[in-house]
Amino acid sequence: MQDPQEQTHFGFKNVDKAQKASMVADVFHSVAGKYDLMNDLMSMGIHRLWKRFTIDCSGVRQGQKVLDLAGGTGDLTAKFSRIVGNTGQVVLADINDSMLKVGRDKLRDRGILGNVEYVQANAEALPFPDNTFDIITIAFGLRNVTDKDKALASMYRVLKPGGRLLVLEFSKPEYELLNKVYDAYSFHLLPKIGQLVANDAESYQYLAESIRMHPDQETLKGMMEQVGFEQTTYHNLTGGIVALHRGFKF
């Protein structure tokens, strides 16, 4: 009999905790090449506004050091790189090497070179010294982490005193009608788009399920506070389909 404490969810399935990271990796190896195109199609381009709002709420300044965790194809990294300038640094970190390669190639094609570093890293055990970063962002990545509490604690450790964490993630819609429409879209239309565009319905079925299994706004706020973050708040975006959580380390 399997020990429930050694189990976690992979979408709606229960799997061994030791297996989840590799299963998530398979999903993102599969979707990496079409990731940006699918983001635009899935959100009708609105993901760009969500990310711009995240940048605005980060308070990032020239010369600061930023960790873009689960940064994938580098949308946030590109924006942070321009703001922090030559005296600052942005670390684009992702557990998935396929996503990291796509992000590196995209940013280099845009001429973004000098102040960006690429690191393959597990959010649960970040390979950085204590008190390293002024700002940490994780956009649409926390829901794929096996042990979210451990990951949040790891982020808290590497954040400088006075620094801030921003978690941009799918969340729970505020209105029941919107929730029903969103469910219909996620479970019926999204996998079909994934099949047509990326030839992969199964990965997008998992992504839809992972959104439903992610903690709601208040639960995630409490999880951040539990590991030490203070003045923790969240902003609902697009009716709560997405939420931006922000917390400080003092």
Protein backbone atom coordinates (compact mmCIF):
# COMPACT_ATOMS: atom_id res chain seq x y z
CA MET A 1 0.00 0.00 0.00
CA GLN A 2 1.29 3.47 -0.91
CA ASP A 3 1.98 5.93 1.90
CA PRO A 4 -0.33 8.97 1.43
CA GLN A 5 2.44 11.20 2.82
CA GLU A 6 4.66 10.15 -0.09
CA GLN A 7 1.94 11.02 -2.62
CA THR A 8 1.20 14.28 -4.41
CA HIS A 9 -0.99 15.36 -7.28
CA PHE A 10 -0.08 15.47 -10.94
CA GLY A 11 -3.14 17.20 -12.30
CA PHE A 12 -6.03 15.13 -10.98
CA LYS A 13 -3.89 11.99 -10.55
CA ASN A 14 -2.11 10.93 -7.36
CA VAL A 15 1.53 10.03 -7.97
CA ASP A 16 4.64 9.40 -5.88
CA LYS A 17 6.35 12.65 -4.89
CA ALA A 18 9.60 11.30 -6.31
CA GLN A 19 7.98 10.93 -9.74
CA LYS A 20 6.29 14.30 -10.12
CA ALA A 21 9.32 16.40 -11.10
CA SER A 22 10.17 14.10 -14.00
CA MET A 23 6.52 13.96 -15.11
CA VAL A 24 6.28 17.75 -15.12
CA ALA A 25 9.60 17.85 -16.97
CA ASP A 26 8.16 15.63 -19.70
CA VAL A 27 5.25 18.06 -20.11
CA PHE A 28 7.51 21.07 -20.57
CA HIS A 29 10.00 19.24 -22.80
CA SER A 30 6.98 18.56 -25.00
CA VAL A 31 5.55 22.09 -25.06
CA ALA A 32 8.76 24.19 -24.98
CA GLY A 33 8.96 24.81 -28.72
CA LYS A 34 5.39 26.12 -28.95
CA TYR A 35 5.19 27.65 -25.47
CA ASP A 36 5.09 31.32 -26.47
CA LEU A 37 2.60 30.75 -29.28
CA MET A 38 0.33 28.71 -27.02
CA ASN A 39 0.50 31.39 -24.29
CA ASP A 40 -0.75 33.97 -26.78
CA LEU A 41 -3.51 31.68 -28.05
CA MET A 42 -4.62 30.43 -24.61
CA SER A 43 -4.84 33.89 -23.05
CA MET A 44 -5.66 35.84 -26.22
CA GLY A 45 -2.52 37.84 -25.49
CA ILE A 46 -3.65 38.93 -22.03
CA HIS A 47 -0.70 37.16 -20.39
CA ARG A 48 1.42 40.09 -21.57
CA LEU A 49 -0.68 42.50 -19.50
CA TRP A 50 -0.46 40.21 -16.44
CA LYS A 51 3.33 40.14 -16.76
CA ARG A 52 3.54 43.90 -17.27
CA PHE A 53 1.51 44.40 -14.08
CA THR A 54 3.94 42.10 -12.26
CA ILE A 55 6.89 44.21 -13.42
CA ASP A 56 5.10 47.39 -12.30
CA CYS A 57 4.43 45.90 -8.84
CA SER A 58 8.02 44.68 -8.43
CA GLY A 59 9.45 48.13 -7.80
CA VAL A 60 12.57 47.01 -9.66
CA ARG A 61 15.32 49.62 -10.00
CA GLN A 62 18.58 50.04 -11.81
CA GLY A 63 21.45 48.05 -10.28
CA GLN A 64 19.29 45.46 -8.52
CA LYS A 65 19.63 41.69 -8.66
CA VAL A 66 16.52 39.79 -9.79
CA LEU A 67 15.68 36.08 -9.84
CA ASP A 68 13.11 35.13 -12.51
CA LEU A 69 12.28 31.66 -11.20
CA ALA A 70 10.57 29.14 -13.49
CA GLY A 71 11.29 31.89 -15.99
CA GLY A 72 10.79 29.65 -19.01
CA THR A 73 11.13 31.54 -22.26
CA GLY A 74 12.21 34.74 -20.56
CA ASP A 75 9.36 37.25 -20.95
CA LEU A 76 9.92 38.76 -17.50
CA THR A 77 13.70 38.44 -17.75
CA ALA A 78 13.74 40.55 -20.91
CA LYS A 79 11.86 43.38 -19.19
CA PHE A 80 13.88 43.17 -15.98
CA SER A 81 17.15 43.18 -17.95
CA ARG A 82 16.36 46.54 -19.53
CA ILE A 83 15.41 48.10 -16.18
CA VAL A 84 18.31 46.89 -13.99
CA GLY A 85 20.84 47.92 -16.63
CA ASN A 86 24.54 47.16 -16.81
CA THR A 87 25.01 47.51 -13.05
CA GLY A 88 22.27 45.00 -12.26
CA GLN A 89 21.77 41.31 -12.95
CA VAL A 90 18.88 39.02 -13.81
CA VAL A 91 19.06 35.27 -13.24
CA LEU A 92 16.69 33.27 -15.43
CA ALA A 93 16.23 29.96 -13.59
CA ASP A 94 14.14 26.98 -14.63
CA ILE A 95 14.19 23.32 -13.66
CA ASN A 96 13.56 22.33 -17.29
CA ASP A 97 16.53 22.52 -19.64
CA SER A 98 14.35 22.59 -22.77
CA MET A 99 12.55 25.71 -21.55
CA LEU A 100 15.85 27.27 -20.50
CA LYS A 101 17.34 26.71 -23.96
CA VAL A 102 14.31 28.27 -25.68
CA GLY A 103 14.51 31.26 -23.34
CA ARG A 104 18.26 31.69 -23.83
CA ASP A 105 17.97 31.52 -27.63
CA LYS A 106 15.07 33.99 -27.67
CA LEU A 107 16.80 36.56 -25.46
CA ARG A 108 20.08 36.28 -27.36
CA ASP A 109 18.20 36.83 -30.63
CA ARG A 110 16.89 40.05 -29.07
CA GLY A 111 20.40 41.14 -28.16
CA ILE A 112 19.93 40.64 -24.41
CA LEU A 113 23.28 39.30 -23.28
CA GLY A 114 25.45 41.04 -20.69
CA ASN A 115 23.39 41.16 -17.51
CA VAL A 116 21.46 37.86 -17.76
CA GLU A 117 22.62 34.55 -16.31
CA TYR A 118 20.93 31.19 -16.99
CA VAL A 119 20.70 28.58 -14.22
CA GLN A 120 18.96 25.21 -14.19
CA ALA A 121 17.53 25.05 -10.68
CA ASN A 122 14.90 23.34 -8.56
CA ALA A 123 12.71 25.88 -6.74
CA GLU A 124 12.69 23.64 -3.65
CA ALA A 125 16.48 23.86 -3.24
CA LEU A 126 17.74 27.04 -4.88
CA PRO A 127 21.52 26.95 -5.49
CA PHE A 128 22.19 30.50 -4.28
CA PRO A 129 23.59 31.94 -1.05
CA ASP A 130 21.32 33.45 1.59
CA ASN A 131 20.21 37.06 1.01
CA THR A 132 21.20 37.22 -2.67
CA PHE A 133 18.29 38.81 -4.55
CA ASP A 134 16.40 42.11 -4.28
CA ILE A 135 13.39 40.69 -6.14
CA ILE A 136 12.16 37.18 -6.94
CA THR A 137 9.37 36.46 -9.39
CA ILE A 138 7.78 33.13 -10.23
CA ALA A 139 5.19 33.34 -13.00
CA PHE A 140 2.98 30.35 -13.77
CA GLY A 141 5.47 27.98 -12.20
CA LEU A 142 4.56 27.47 -8.55
CA ARG A 143 1.63 25.18 -9.32
CA ASN A 144 4.03 22.70 -10.95
CA VAL A 145 6.29 22.47 -7.88
CA THR A 146 5.98 19.27 -5.83
CA ASP A 147 6.49 20.83 -2.38
CA LYS A 148 5.28 24.43 -2.56
CA ASP A 149 6.01 25.16 1.12
CA LYS A 150 9.61 24.06 0.67
CA ALA A 151 9.93 26.18 -2.47
CA LEU A 152 8.53 29.28 -0.77
CA ALA A 153 10.93 28.79 2.13
CA SER A 154 13.82 28.47 -0.32
CA MET A 155 12.79 31.71 -2.01
CA TYR A 156 12.57 33.45 1.37
CA ARG A 157 16.10 32.28 2.22
CA VAL A 158 17.75 33.70 -0.93
CA LEU A 159 15.85 36.99 -0.81
CA LYS A 160 17.63 39.97 0.75
CA PRO A 161 16.10 41.69 3.79
CA GLY A 162 13.85 44.38 2.34
CA GLY A 163 13.33 42.32 -0.81
CA ARG A 164 10.05 41.16 -2.27
CA LEU A 165 8.60 38.02 -3.82
CA LEU A 166 5.96 38.17 -6.55
CA VAL A 167 3.99 35.04 -7.44
CA LEU A 168 1.92 35.32 -10.63
CA GLU A 169 -0.27 32.27 -10.97
CA PHE A 170 -3.63 31.00 -12.14
CA SER A 171 -6.10 31.11 -9.26
CA LYS A 172 -9.79 30.84 -8.42
CA PRO A 173 -12.23 33.06 -10.39
CA GLU A 174 -14.22 35.43 -8.20
CA TYR A 175 -17.58 34.82 -9.89
CA GLU A 176 -19.40 31.52 -10.29
CA LEU A 177 -20.48 32.22 -13.88
CA LEU A 178 -16.90 33.05 -14.85
CA ASN A 179 -15.75 29.88 -13.10
CA LYS A 180 -18.13 27.75 -15.19
CA VAL A 181 -17.12 29.41 -18.45
CA TYR A 182 -13.44 29.03 -17.53
CA ASP A 183 -13.93 25.33 -16.71
CA ALA A 184 -15.61 24.72 -20.05
CA TYR A 185 -12.79 26.50 -21.87
CA SER A 186 -10.00 24.79 -19.92
CA PHE A 187 -11.22 21.21 -20.15
CA HIS A 188 -12.84 21.18 -23.57
CA LEU A 189 -11.23 23.82 -25.77
CA LEU A 190 -7.69 24.10 -24.38
CA PRO A 191 -6.65 20.46 -25.04
CA LYS A 192 -8.01 20.75 -28.58
CA ILE A 193 -5.93 23.89 -29.19
CA GLY A 194 -2.94 22.02 -27.78
CA GLN A 195 -3.54 19.14 -30.18
CA LEU A 196 -3.93 21.41 -33.21
CA VAL A 197 -1.00 23.73 -32.51
CA ALA A 198 1.47 21.64 -30.51
CA ASN A 199 0.26 18.14 -31.40
CA ASP A 200 -0.09 17.50 -27.68
CA ALA A 201 -3.53 17.45 -26.07
CA GLU A 202 -2.37 15.49 -23.00
CA SER A 203 0.09 18.12 -21.75
CA TYR A 204 -2.54 20.84 -21.94
CA GLN A 205 -5.04 18.61 -20.18
CA TYR A 206 -2.49 18.36 -17.34
CA LEU A 207 -1.98 22.14 -17.33
CA ALA A 208 -5.74 22.69 -16.98
CA GLU A 209 -5.93 20.16 -14.14
CA SER A 210 -2.88 21.63 -12.37
CA ILE A 211 -4.61 25.02 -12.27
CA ARG A 212 -7.59 23.50 -10.43
CA MET A 213 -5.33 21.77 -7.91
CA HIS A 214 -3.37 24.94 -7.07
CA PRO A 215 -4.19 26.67 -3.76
CA ASP A 216 -6.71 29.51 -3.92
CA GLN A 217 -5.78 33.12 -3.19
CA GLU A 218 -6.21 33.10 0.59
CA THR A 219 -4.54 29.70 1.00
CA LEU A 220 -1.45 30.78 -0.94
CA LYS A 221 -1.31 34.03 1.04
CA GLY A 222 -1.27 31.99 4.25
CA MET A 223 1.44 29.68 2.90
CA MET A 224 3.67 32.68 2.15
CA GLU A 225 3.13 34.08 5.64
CA GLN A 226 3.88 30.68 7.19
CA VAL A 227 7.46 30.69 5.84
CA GLY A 228 8.09 34.27 6.97
CA PHE A 229 6.83 36.70 4.35
CA GLU A 230 5.22 39.86 5.72
CA GLN A 231 2.80 42.49 4.38
CA THR A 232 1.51 39.77 2.05
CA THR A 233 -1.20 40.85 -0.37
CA TYR A 234 -2.73 39.69 -3.63
CA HIS A 235 -4.38 41.32 -6.61
CA ASN A 236 -6.97 39.44 -8.65
CA LEU A 237 -6.54 39.88 -12.39
CA THR A 238 -9.14 39.09 -15.06
CA GLY A 239 -11.76 38.26 -12.43
CA GLY A 240 -9.44 36.06 -10.38
CA ILE A 241 -8.48 33.75 -13.25
CA VAL A 242 -4.99 34.92 -12.34
CA ALA A 243 -3.73 36.43 -9.09
CA LEU A 244 -0.52 38.26 -8.26
CA HIS A 245 0.68 37.62 -4.71
CA ARG A 246 3.34 39.84 -3.17
CA GLY A 247 5.25 39.43 0.07
CA PHE A 248 8.25 41.11 1.72
CA LYS A 249 11.19 39.85 3.75
CA PHE A 250 12.19 42.14 6.62
